[in-house]
C-alpha cells in the first residue's frame, strides 16, 4: 500500500495486538490541520449470517470507538455498499473533536472521516478497515474532502489468498 497522492506524507508506526495497521499522516502549514490515511487488517473469527448482520456489527463497533467525552457527532452515515463485496460497509462522519492534542486555544477541531470496512473477499477471517480523515478548524477542511478520500480508497489493491 502506498501513501495517498501528493508530497509530505509520512508513515506512522503503530502496533496493536491482533491488528496490523498501516498509517500515513500529513501535517500541513497550520498547527491545527492534519490529514491521515489508515488501513487496518483485523484477524477475526466472527461469523455473520448476512450483510445486514455485518452492518449492525460495524455500526456498534463505530459507536464504541467514538468517546462521547471527546467527540460530539454532527453527522454519521453507515450503510452497506458493494464496493468490496457483499459484506462491505461505507461510513462517513463529521464530528467536533474536543480533545485533539493540536487544538490549541480552539474549543474543538472539526474531524471528517470517510472509509470502508469489509470482510476480505479472498482471505477468510480477515476484516479490512480503510479510512481517510482530515482534522482542523472548520475553515481549514478541504471542500473536496470526499473526492480526495475516494481517490485514496480507490487506489487500494487487495492481496490474493496465497
Protein backbone atom coordinates (compact mmCIF):
# COMPACT_ATOMS: atom_id res chain seq x y z
CA UNK A 1 0.00 0.00 0.00
CA UNK A 2 1.29 3.42 -0.92
CA UNK A 3 0.50 6.72 0.80
CA UNK A 4 -2.13 8.96 -0.78
CA UNK A 5 -1.07 11.02 -3.78
CA UNK A 6 0.96 14.15 -3.12
CA UNK A 7 4.06 15.16 -1.21
CA UNK A 8 4.61 15.34 2.53
CA UNK A 9 3.06 12.06 3.67
CA UNK A 10 4.89 10.11 6.37
CA UNK A 11 4.44 6.64 7.83
CA UNK A 12 3.32 6.41 11.47
CA UNK A 13 4.43 3.30 13.32
CA UNK A 14 1.53 1.89 15.38
CA UNK A 15 1.33 -1.58 16.86
CA UNK A 16 -1.72 -3.17 18.42
CA UNK A 17 -2.31 -6.77 19.41
CA UNK A 18 -4.45 -8.63 16.87
CA UNK A 19 -4.32 -5.83 14.30
CA UNK A 20 -1.98 -4.82 11.55
CA UNK A 21 -2.10 -1.07 10.95
CA UNK A 22 -0.68 0.92 8.08
CA UNK A 23 -0.96 4.61 8.95
CA UNK A 24 0.09 7.63 6.92
CA UNK A 25 -0.03 11.18 8.20
CA UNK A 26 0.44 14.59 6.73
CA UNK A 27 1.00 17.76 8.69
CA UNK A 28 0.05 20.90 6.85
CA UNK A 29 1.13 24.53 7.22
CA UNK A 30 -1.27 25.12 10.11
CA UNK A 31 -0.56 23.59 13.52
CA UNK A 32 -4.24 22.63 13.80
CA UNK A 33 -4.66 20.99 10.38
CA UNK A 34 -3.75 17.33 9.73
CA UNK A 35 -4.57 14.53 7.31
CA UNK A 36 -4.34 10.80 7.88
CA UNK A 37 -4.92 7.66 5.86
CA UNK A 38 -5.30 4.30 7.59
CA UNK A 39 -5.54 0.67 6.54
CA UNK A 40 -6.23 -1.85 9.30
CA UNK A 41 -6.16 -5.61 8.86
CA UNK A 42 -8.08 -7.37 11.65
CA UNK A 43 -7.95 -11.12 12.09
CA UNK A 44 -11.34 -12.27 13.35
CA UNK A 45 -13.31 -15.46 13.73
CA UNK A 46 -16.63 -13.63 13.87
CA UNK A 47 -19.25 -15.09 11.54
CA UNK A 48 -22.14 -13.19 10.02
CA UNK A 49 -25.31 -14.77 8.66
CA UNK A 50 -25.93 -11.96 6.16
CA UNK A 51 -24.68 -8.49 5.16
CA UNK A 52 -27.21 -6.74 7.44
CA UNK A 53 -25.76 -8.56 10.45
CA UNK A 54 -22.29 -7.35 9.43
CA UNK A 55 -23.67 -3.81 9.02
CA UNK A 56 -25.06 -3.90 12.57
CA UNK A 57 -21.71 -5.17 13.86
CA UNK A 58 -19.92 -2.26 12.14
CA UNK A 59 -22.44 0.28 13.48
CA UNK A 60 -21.93 -0.94 17.04
CA UNK A 61 -18.13 -1.02 16.64
CA UNK A 62 -18.00 2.54 15.29
CA UNK A 63 -20.32 3.72 18.08
CA UNK A 64 -17.98 2.23 20.70
CA UNK A 65 -14.94 3.85 19.01
CA UNK A 66 -16.27 7.41 19.43
CA UNK A 67 -15.66 8.52 23.03
CA UNK A 68 -18.58 10.89 23.83
CA UNK A 69 -16.38 12.78 26.29
CA UNK A 70 -14.14 13.79 23.40
CA UNK A 71 -16.30 13.76 20.26
CA UNK A 72 -19.60 15.45 19.51
CA UNK A 73 -21.01 13.67 16.47
CA UNK A 74 -22.53 16.08 13.95
CA UNK A 75 -23.13 13.65 11.09
CA UNK A 76 -22.79 9.87 10.94
CA UNK A 77 -23.61 7.65 7.96
CA UNK A 78 -23.02 3.90 7.89
CA UNK A 79 -24.52 1.90 5.01
CA UNK A 80 -23.99 -1.28 3.04
CA UNK A 81 -22.09 -0.55 -0.17
CA UNK A 82 -20.95 -3.35 -2.52
CA UNK A 83 -17.63 -1.69 -3.45
CA UNK A 84 -15.64 -4.52 -1.80
CA UNK A 85 -18.24 -7.30 -1.98
CA UNK A 86 -21.48 -8.23 -0.26
CA UNK A 87 -20.03 -7.72 3.23
CA UNK A 88 -18.84 -4.16 2.58
CA UNK A 89 -19.87 -1.09 4.58
CA UNK A 90 -19.21 2.54 3.70
CA UNK A 91 -19.03 5.05 6.52
CA UNK A 92 -18.58 8.77 6.85
CA UNK A 93 -18.73 11.10 9.82
CA UNK A 94 -18.27 14.68 10.85
CA UNK A 95 -17.61 15.47 14.48
CA UNK A 96 -16.26 18.09 16.82
CA UNK A 97 -13.04 16.82 18.41
CA UNK A 98 -12.83 18.49 21.82
CA UNK A 99 -9.72 16.51 22.82
CA UNK A 100 -7.40 16.95 19.86
CA UNK A 101 -3.82 17.41 21.05
CA UNK A 102 -3.23 20.17 18.49
CA UNK A 103 -6.41 22.22 19.07
CA UNK A 104 -4.56 24.95 20.94
CA UNK A 105 -6.95 27.59 22.25
CA UNK A 106 -9.78 26.45 19.99
CA UNK A 107 -12.75 24.82 21.71
CA UNK A 108 -12.63 21.95 19.19
CA UNK A 109 -11.37 20.91 15.77
CA UNK A 110 -13.62 19.52 13.06
CA UNK A 111 -12.91 15.90 12.14
CA UNK A 112 -14.12 14.46 8.84
CA UNK A 113 -13.82 10.72 8.30
CA UNK A 114 -14.59 8.59 5.24
CA UNK A 115 -13.98 4.89 4.83
CA UNK A 116 -14.96 1.31 4.18
CA UNK A 117 -14.88 -1.74 6.39
CA UNK A 118 -15.36 -5.13 4.79
CA UNK A 119 -14.69 -8.82 5.03
CA UNK A 120 -11.75 -9.52 2.73
CA UNK A 121 -13.19 -11.26 -0.34
CA UNK A 122 -10.14 -13.50 -0.81
CA UNK A 123 -8.85 -14.24 2.69
CA UNK A 124 -11.11 -15.90 5.23
CA UNK A 125 -11.22 -14.39 8.73
CA UNK A 126 -9.75 -11.02 7.71
CA UNK A 127 -11.63 -7.75 8.06
CA UNK A 128 -10.19 -4.64 6.40
CA UNK A 129 -10.93 -1.09 7.55
CA UNK A 130 -9.63 1.63 5.26
CA UNK A 131 -10.21 5.28 6.05
CA UNK A 132 -9.15 8.81 5.25
CA UNK A 133 -9.57 11.67 7.68
CA UNK A 134 -8.97 15.38 7.93
CA UNK A 135 -8.91 17.38 11.16
CA UNK A 136 -8.67 21.12 11.59
CA UNK A 137 -10.52 24.34 12.09
CA UNK A 138 -13.74 24.25 10.10
CA UNK A 139 -12.38 26.75 7.55
CA UNK A 140 -9.27 24.56 7.01
CA UNK A 141 -11.17 21.46 5.88
CA UNK A 142 -10.89 20.80 2.13
CA UNK A 143 -14.26 21.40 0.45
CA UNK A 144 -13.38 18.47 -1.85
CA UNK A 145 -12.69 16.17 1.12
CA UNK A 146 -14.93 13.35 -0.16
CA UNK A 147 -13.31 13.34 -3.60
CA UNK A 148 -9.80 13.21 -2.13
CA UNK A 149 -10.81 10.43 0.30
CA UNK A 150 -12.36 8.44 -2.54
CA UNK A 151 -9.17 8.69 -4.62
CA UNK A 152 -7.17 7.20 -1.73
CA UNK A 153 -9.63 4.35 -1.21
CA UNK A 154 -9.88 3.67 -4.95
CA UNK A 155 -6.07 3.27 -5.02
CA UNK A 156 -6.16 0.32 -2.61
CA UNK A 157 -5.44 -3.12 -4.03
CA UNK A 158 -6.32 -6.27 -2.12
CA UNK A 159 -3.89 -9.16 -1.94
CA UNK A 160 -4.98 -12.59 -3.07
CA UNK A 161 -5.03 -15.63 -0.83
CA UNK A 162 -1.70 -17.39 -1.20
